Amino acid sequence: MRIRILIADDHHVVRRGLAFFLKTQREIEIIGEAGNGKEAVDQARKLKPDLILMDLVMPEMDGIQATKIIKSEMPEIKIMMLTSFSDQDHVIPALEAGASGYQLKDIEPDELIKCIKKIVAGENQLHPKATSHLLANLSNKKEDRNLLSELTKRELDVLKEIAKGKSNKEIASALFITEKTVKTHVSNLLSKLELADRTQAALYAVKNQLVE
């Protein structure tokens, strides 16, 4: 199965360049392009891509707002931010909106392919600068509070598996529980830890040294 990708960027040359390179990859299929966030939302609804490469700053609707809408309507679609901005004011809102990846446009082509494959497989792929911003943000929000103590043993087990980049199906298999039960545990632990999504949960686990 090839990875079906939608490219959203307001710069025509960037879109064309990305499409040209990605089309050289056997396992990737470019199914559409969008010149702004509104087009990205419309195309996502119509084409149902596996992954969207989303620019941040675009006319009519930016990448963050587009990501929020897409993830609320079609949570199964993975979104990777591909941008020139690495400051906290862009990184944090993008990840809170539901992006599974955040990379800068100077990323090496081979590295981009690796990130795409890992995101589709259920892992989170963040540029080091994005990771540091998110960890700092989590640290500020959770200062002097040990929220981990509020988790049940099973919720803690699920959190550790999330940090390893596993999907709900893989976690269910590893812990010998149903996928439905995993979803319940994920929802509960995100609520207790005051986190927005699995990306933040994975980094929270790393920050608290839950991953070997």
C-alpha atoms as a PDB file:
ATOM      1  CA  MET A   1       0.000   0.000   0.000  1.00  0.00           C
ATOM      2  CA  ARG A   2       1.376   3.390  -0.982  1.00  0.00           C
ATOM      3  CA  ILE A   3       1.213   6.391   1.343  1.00  0.00           C
ATOM      4  CA  ARG A   4      -1.316   8.866  -0.084  1.00  0.00           C
ATOM      5  CA  ILE A   5      -0.148  12.454   0.485  1.00  0.00           C
ATOM      6  CA  LEU A   6      -1.729  15.893   0.151  1.00  0.00           C
ATOM      7  CA  ILE A   7       0.645  18.887  -0.020  1.00  0.00           C
ATOM      8  CA  ALA A   8      -0.600  22.208   1.403  1.00  0.00           C
ATOM      9  CA  ASP A   9       1.647  25.235   0.792  1.00  0.00           C
ATOM     10  CA  ASP A  10       0.919  28.689  -0.598  1.00  0.00           C
ATOM     11  CA  HIS A  11       4.199  28.794  -2.547  1.00  0.00           C
ATOM     12  CA  HIS A  12       3.696  27.123  -5.913  1.00  0.00           C
ATOM     13  CA  VAL A  13       7.414  26.404  -6.359  1.00  0.00           C
ATOM     14  CA  VAL A  14       7.620  24.695  -2.961  1.00  0.00           C
ATOM     15  CA  ARG A  15       4.563  22.553  -3.715  1.00  0.00           C
ATOM     16  CA  ARG A  16       5.881  21.591  -7.136  1.00  0.00           C
ATOM     17  CA  GLY A  17       9.329  20.819  -5.773  1.00  0.00           C
ATOM     18  CA  LEU A  18       7.964  18.628  -2.986  1.00  0.00           C
ATOM     19  CA  ALA A  19       5.615  16.827  -5.360  1.00  0.00           C
ATOM     20  CA  PHE A  20       8.392  16.253  -7.905  1.00  0.00           C
ATOM     21  CA  PHE A  21      10.708  14.734  -5.299  1.00  0.00           C
ATOM     22  CA  LEU A  22       8.078  12.635  -3.521  1.00  0.00           C
ATOM     23  CA  LYS A  23       6.834  11.191  -6.811  1.00  0.00           C
ATOM     24  CA  THR A  24      10.264   9.581  -7.227  1.00  0.00           C
ATOM     25  CA  GLN A  25       9.503   7.426  -4.179  1.00  0.00           C
ATOM     26  CA  ARG A  26       7.829   4.135  -5.020  1.00  0.00           C
ATOM     27  CA  GLU A  27       5.926   3.908  -1.734  1.00  0.00           C
ATOM     28  CA  ILE A  28       4.434   7.420  -1.966  1.00  0.00           C
ATOM     29  CA  GLU A  29       1.561   8.760  -4.061  1.00  0.00           C
ATOM     30  CA  ILE A  30       0.765  12.488  -4.331  1.00  0.00           C
ATOM     31  CA  ILE A  31      -3.028  12.704  -4.558  1.00  0.00           C
ATOM     32  CA  GLY A  32      -3.513  16.460  -4.344  1.00  0.00           C
ATOM     33  CA  GLU A  33      -2.204  19.961  -3.661  1.00  0.00           C
ATOM     34  CA  ALA A  34      -3.635  22.972  -1.817  1.00  0.00           C
ATOM     35  CA  GLY A  35      -2.584  26.616  -1.889  1.00  0.00           C
ATOM     36  CA  ASN A  36      -4.083  27.595   1.470  1.00  0.00           C
ATOM     37  CA  GLY A  37      -5.639  26.141   4.611  1.00  0.00           C
ATOM     38  CA  LYS A  38      -9.201  26.314   3.324  1.00  0.00           C
ATOM     39  CA  GLU A  39      -8.244  24.353   0.205  1.00  0.00           C
ATOM     40  CA  ALA A  40      -6.406  21.863   2.424  1.00  0.00           C
ATOM     41  CA  VAL A  41      -9.567  21.228   4.465  1.00  0.00           C
ATOM     42  CA  ASP A  42     -11.698  20.851   1.301  1.00  0.00           C
ATOM     43  CA  GLN A  43      -9.167  18.502  -0.310  1.00  0.00           C
ATOM     44  CA  ALA A  44      -8.828  16.454   2.881  1.00  0.00           C
ATOM     45  CA  ARG A  45     -12.598  15.926   2.987  1.00  0.00           C
ATOM     46  CA  LYS A  46     -12.668  14.956  -0.667  1.00  0.00           C
ATOM     47  CA  LEU A  47      -9.496  12.860  -1.012  1.00  0.00           C
ATOM     48  CA  LYS A  48      -9.013  11.380   2.515  1.00  0.00           C
ATOM     49  CA  PRO A  49      -5.174  11.311   2.351  1.00  0.00           C
ATOM     50  CA  ASP A  50      -3.067   9.247   4.739  1.00  0.00           C
ATOM     51  CA  LEU A  51      -0.900  12.270   5.492  1.00  0.00           C
ATOM     52  CA  ILE A  52      -0.880  16.022   4.823  1.00  0.00           C
ATOM     53  CA  LEU A  53       2.309  18.039   4.541  1.00  0.00           C
ATOM     54  CA  MET A  54       1.039  21.335   5.951  1.00  0.00           C
ATOM     55  CA  ASP A  55       2.634  24.771   5.765  1.00  0.00           C
ATOM     56  CA  LEU A  56       1.970  27.073   8.736  1.00  0.00           C
ATOM     57  CA  VAL A  57       1.524  30.545   7.276  1.00  0.00           C
ATOM     58  CA  MET A  58      -0.961  30.606   4.393  1.00  0.00           C
ATOM     59  CA  PRO A  59      -3.669  33.009   3.143  1.00  0.00           C
ATOM     60  CA  GLU A  60      -7.408  32.607   3.849  1.00  0.00           C
ATOM     61  CA  MET A  61      -6.748  30.019   6.585  1.00  0.00           C
ATOM     62  CA  ASP A  62      -3.422  29.149   8.225  1.00  0.00           C
ATOM     63  CA  GLY A  63      -2.078  25.661   8.766  1.00  0.00           C
ATOM     64  CA  ILE A  64      -2.951  25.569  12.470  1.00  0.00           C
ATOM     65  CA  GLN A  65      -6.635  26.344  11.937  1.00  0.00           C
ATOM     66  CA  ALA A  66      -6.778  23.900   9.030  1.00  0.00           C
ATOM     67  CA  THR A  67      -5.174  21.214  11.195  1.00  0.00           C
ATOM     68  CA  LYS A  68      -7.738  21.748  13.981  1.00  0.00           C
ATOM     69  CA  ILE A  69     -10.638  21.331  11.564  1.00  0.00           C
ATOM     70  CA  ILE A  70      -9.168  18.304   9.791  1.00  0.00           C
ATOM     71  CA  LYS A  71      -8.250  16.489  13.013  1.00  0.00           C
ATOM     72  CA  SER A  72     -11.675  17.150  14.538  1.00  0.00           C
ATOM     73  CA  GLU A  73     -13.496  15.808  11.468  1.00  0.00           C
ATOM     74  CA  MET A  74     -11.003  13.160  10.286  1.00  0.00           C
ATOM     75  CA  PRO A  75      -8.735  12.195  13.220  1.00  0.00           C
ATOM     76  CA  GLU A  76      -7.260   9.282  11.263  1.00  0.00           C
ATOM     77  CA  ILE A  77      -5.478  11.683   8.865  1.00  0.00           C
ATOM     78  CA  LYS A  78      -1.890  12.365   9.951  1.00  0.00           C
ATOM     79  CA  ILE A  79      -0.576  15.915   9.638  1.00  0.00           C
ATOM     80  CA  MET A  80       3.064  16.928   9.441  1.00  0.00           C
ATOM     81  CA  MET A  81       3.913  20.609   9.684  1.00  0.00           C
ATOM     82  CA  LEU A  82       6.608  21.568   7.190  1.00  0.00           C
ATOM     83  CA  THR A  83       7.561  25.173   7.830  1.00  0.00           C
ATOM     84  CA  SER A  84      10.303  27.780   8.172  1.00  0.00           C
ATOM     85  CA  PHE A  85       9.250  28.740  11.708  1.00  0.00           C
ATOM     86  CA  SER A  86      10.743  27.052  14.781  1.00  0.00           C
ATOM     87  CA  ASP A  87       9.710  29.497  17.529  1.00  0.00           C
ATOM     88  CA  GLN A  88       7.480  28.541  20.441  1.00  0.00           C
ATOM     89  CA  ASP A  89       4.580  30.700  19.247  1.00  0.00           C
ATOM     90  CA  HIS A  90       4.254  28.492  16.161  1.00  0.00           C
ATOM     91  CA  VAL A  91       5.385  25.110  17.505  1.00  0.00           C
ATOM     92  CA  ILE A  92       3.077  24.829  20.527  1.00  0.00           C
ATOM     93  CA  PRO A  93      -0.200  25.824  18.760  1.00  0.00           C
ATOM     94  CA  ALA A  94       0.610  23.476  15.862  1.00  0.00           C
ATOM     95  CA  LEU A  95       1.112  20.489  18.154  1.00  0.00           C
ATOM     96  CA  GLU A  96      -1.895  21.397  20.284  1.00  0.00           C
ATOM     97  CA  ALA A  97      -3.961  21.504  17.076  1.00  0.00           C
ATOM     98  CA  GLY A  98      -3.107  17.842  16.500  1.00  0.00           C
ATOM     99  CA  ALA A  99      -0.041  17.703  14.244  1.00  0.00           C
ATOM    100  CA  SER A 100       1.915  14.442  14.570  1.00  0.00           C
ATOM    101  CA  GLY A 101       5.091  15.936  13.142  1.00  0.00           C
ATOM    102  CA  TYR A 102       6.891  19.273  12.986  1.00  0.00           C
ATOM    103  CA  GLN A 103       9.843  19.699  10.652  1.00  0.00           C
ATOM    104  CA  LEU A 104      11.625  22.632   9.063  1.00  0.00           C
ATOM    105  CA  LYS A 105      11.820  23.116   5.303  1.00  0.00           C
ATOM    106  CA  ASP A 106      15.596  22.692   5.312  1.00  0.00           C
ATOM    107  CA  ILE A 107      15.159  19.012   6.228  1.00  0.00           C
ATOM    108  CA  GLU A 108      17.217  16.582   4.134  1.00  0.00           C
ATOM    109  CA  PRO A 109      15.076  14.782   1.504  1.00  0.00           C
ATOM    110  CA  ASP A 110      15.935  11.303   2.811  1.00  0.00           C
ATOM    111  CA  GLU A 111      15.083  12.404   6.355  1.00  0.00           C
ATOM    112  CA  LEU A 112      11.739  13.744   5.145  1.00  0.00           C
ATOM    113  CA  ILE A 113      10.851  10.331   3.706  1.00  0.00           C
ATOM    114  CA  LYS A 114      11.807   8.627   6.985  1.00  0.00           C
ATOM    115  CA  CYS A 115       9.647  11.060   8.971  1.00  0.00           C
ATOM    116  CA  ILE A 116       6.667  10.528   6.683  1.00  0.00           C
ATOM    117  CA  LYS A 117       6.893   6.737   7.041  1.00  0.00           C
ATOM    118  CA  LYS A 118       7.245   6.917  10.829  1.00  0.00           C
ATOM    119  CA  ILE A 119       4.294   9.291  11.232  1.00  0.00           C
ATOM    120  CA  VAL A 120       2.051   7.067   9.113  1.00  0.00           C
ATOM    121  CA  ALA A 121       3.201   4.112  11.242  1.00  0.00           C
ATOM    122  CA  GLY A 122       2.002   5.929  14.357  1.00  0.00           C
ATOM    123  CA  GLU A 123       5.174   7.601  15.616  1.00  0.00           C
ATOM    124  CA  ASN A 124       5.638  11.313  16.289  1.00  0.00           C
ATOM    125  CA  GLN A 125       8.430  13.132  14.475  1.00  0.00           C
ATOM    126  CA  LEU A 126       9.529  16.490  15.869  1.00  0.00           C
ATOM    127  CA  HIS A 127      12.431  18.722  14.945  1.00  0.00           C
ATOM    128  CA  PRO A 128      14.794  19.105  17.967  1.00  0.00           C
ATOM    129  CA  LYS A 129      13.800  22.761  18.330  1.00  0.00           C
ATOM    130  CA  ALA A 130      10.124  21.808  18.393  1.00  0.00           C
ATOM    131  CA  THR A 131      10.840  19.136  21.011  1.00  0.00           C
ATOM    132  CA  SER A 132      12.684  21.568  23.272  1.00  0.00           C
ATOM    133  CA  HIS A 133       9.855  24.114  23.037  1.00  0.00           C
ATOM    134  CA  LEU A 134       7.251  21.490  23.878  1.00  0.00           C
ATOM    135  CA  LEU A 135       9.220  20.132  26.827  1.00  0.00           C
ATOM    136  CA  ALA A 136       9.691  23.661  28.160  1.00  0.00           C
ATOM    137  CA  ASN A 137       5.973  24.307  27.769  1.00  0.00           C
ATOM    138  CA  LEU A 138       5.077  21.093  29.566  1.00  0.00           C
ATOM    139  CA  SER A 139       7.546  21.926  32.318  1.00  0.00           C
ATOM    140  CA  ASN A 140       5.962  25.343  32.846  1.00  0.00           C
ATOM    141  CA  LYS A 141       2.464  23.880  32.962  1.00  0.00           C
ATOM    142  CA  LYS A 142       3.300  20.993  35.278  1.00  0.00           C
ATOM    143  CA  GLU A 143       5.724  22.761  37.615  1.00  0.00           C
ATOM    144  CA  ASP A 144       5.689  21.377  41.175  1.00  0.00           C
ATOM    145  CA  ARG A 145       2.872  18.971  40.359  1.00  0.00           C
ATOM    146  CA  ASN A 146       3.208  15.233  40.240  1.00  0.00           C
ATOM    147  CA  LEU A 147       0.272  14.292  38.048  1.00  0.00           C
ATOM    148  CA  LEU A 148       1.689  10.824  37.367  1.00  0.00           C
ATOM    149  CA  SER A 149       0.546   9.717  40.810  1.00  0.00           C
ATOM    150  CA  GLU A 150      -3.037  10.133  39.612  1.00  0.00           C
ATOM    151  CA  LEU A 151      -2.642   7.413  36.951  1.00  0.00           C
ATOM    152  CA  THR A 152      -3.655   3.812  37.540  1.00  0.00           C
ATOM    153  CA  LYS A 153      -1.014   1.138  36.944  1.00  0.00           C
ATOM    154  CA  ARG A 154      -2.623   0.201  33.622  1.00  0.00           C
ATOM    155  CA  GLU A 155      -2.783   3.839  32.474  1.00  0.00           C
ATOM    156  CA  LEU A 156       0.912   4.129  33.315  1.00  0.00           C
ATOM    157  CA  ASP A 157       1.625   0.996  31.253  1.00  0.00           C
ATOM    158  CA  VAL A 158      -0.261   2.484  28.292  1.00  0.00           C
ATOM    159  CA  LEU A 159       1.633   5.788  28.652  1.00  0.00           C
ATOM    160  CA  LYS A 160       4.969   3.936  28.464  1.00  0.00           C
ATOM    161  CA  GLU A 161       3.834   2.159  25.301  1.00  0.00           C
ATOM    162  CA  ILE A 162       2.710   5.464  23.728  1.00  0.00           C
ATOM    163  CA  ALA A 163       6.193   6.820  24.397  1.00  0.00           C
ATOM    164  CA  LYS A 164       7.600   3.939  22.336  1.00  0.00           C
ATOM    165  CA  GLY A 165       5.563   5.162  19.360  1.00  0.00           C
ATOM    166  CA  LYS A 166       3.111   2.260  19.361  1.00  0.00           C
ATOM    167  CA  SER A 167      -0.381   2.422  17.886  1.00  0.00           C
ATOM    168  CA  ASN A 168      -3.477   1.457  19.902  1.00  0.00           C
ATOM    169  CA  LYS A 169      -3.522  -1.912  18.161  1.00  0.00           C
ATOM    170  CA  GLU A 170       0.118  -2.581  19.064  1.00  0.00           C
ATOM    171  CA  ILE A 171      -0.450  -1.476  22.669  1.00  0.00           C
ATOM    172  CA  ALA A 172      -3.453  -3.792  22.939  1.00  0.00           C
ATOM    173  CA  SER A 173      -1.338  -6.691  21.726  1.00  0.00           C
ATOM    174  CA  ALA A 174       1.566  -5.875  24.069  1.00  0.00           C
ATOM    175  CA  LEU A 175      -0.628  -5.540  27.169  1.00  0.00           C
ATOM    176  CA  PHE A 176      -3.111  -8.314  26.278  1.00  0.00           C
ATOM    177  CA  ILE A 177      -6.142  -6.014  26.382  1.00  0.00           C
ATOM    178  CA  THR A 178      -8.659  -4.910  23.751  1.00  0.00           C
ATOM    179  CA  GLU A 179      -8.121  -1.930  21.472  1.00  0.00           C
ATOM    180  CA  LYS A 180     -11.280  -0.355  22.922  1.00  0.00           C
ATOM    181  CA  THR A 181      -9.804  -0.606  26.418  1.00  0.00           C
ATOM    182  CA  VAL A 182      -6.587   1.028  25.192  1.00  0.00           C
ATOM    183  CA  LYS A 183      -8.582   3.954  23.786  1.00  0.00           C
ATOM    184  CA  THR A 184     -10.302   4.397  27.151  1.00  0.00           C
ATOM    185  CA  HIS A 185      -6.966   4.377  29.002  1.00  0.00           C
ATOM    186  CA  VAL A 186      -5.464   6.879  26.536  1.00  0.00           C
ATOM    187  CA  SER A 187      -8.428   9.222  26.965  1.00  0.00           C
ATOM    188  CA  ASN A 188      -8.236   8.966  30.765  1.00  0.00           C
ATOM    189  CA  LEU A 189      -4.493   9.521  31.032  1.00  0.00           C
ATOM    190  CA  LEU A 190      -4.575  12.527  28.678  1.00  0.00           C
ATOM    191  CA  SER A 191      -7.288  14.048  30.856  1.00  0.00           C
ATOM    192  CA  LYS A 192      -5.458  13.367  34.123  1.00  0.00           C
ATOM    193  CA  LEU A 193      -2.138  14.706  32.823  1.00  0.00           C
ATOM    194  CA  GLU A 194      -3.839  17.719  31.216  1.00  0.00           C
ATOM    195  CA  LEU A 195      -2.329  16.900  27.818  1.00  0.00           C
ATOM    196  CA  ALA A 196      -3.824  17.525  24.384  1.00  0.00           C
ATOM    197  CA  ASP A 197      -2.682  14.462  22.448  1.00  0.00           C
ATOM    198  CA  ARG A 198      -0.358  11.450  22.132  1.00  0.00           C
ATOM    199  CA  THR A 199       2.572  13.616  21.029  1.00  0.00           C
ATOM    200  CA  GLN A 200       2.490  15.522  24.304  1.00  0.00           C
ATOM    201  CA  ALA A 201       1.949  12.283  26.229  1.00  0.00           C
ATOM    202  CA  ALA A 202       5.038  10.703  24.645  1.00  0.00           C
ATOM    203  CA  LEU A 203       7.202  13.705  25.486  1.00  0.00           C
ATOM    204  CA  TYR A 204       5.763  13.864  28.997  1.00  0.00           C
ATOM    205  CA  ALA A 205       6.778  10.228  29.494  1.00  0.00           C
ATOM    206  CA  VAL A 206      10.310  10.951  28.232  1.00  0.00           C
ATOM    207  CA  LYS A 207      10.600  14.035  30.465  1.00  0.00           C
ATOM    208  CA  ASN A 208       9.580  11.965  33.500  1.00  0.00           C
ATOM    209  CA  GLN A 209      12.009   9.180  32.576  1.00  0.00           C
ATOM    210  CA  LEU A 210       9.362   6.514  32.012  1.00  0.00           C
ATOM    211  CA  VAL A 211      11.103   5.244  28.869  1.00  0.00           C
ATOM    212  CA  GLU A 212      14.117   2.968  29.122  1.00  0.00           C
END
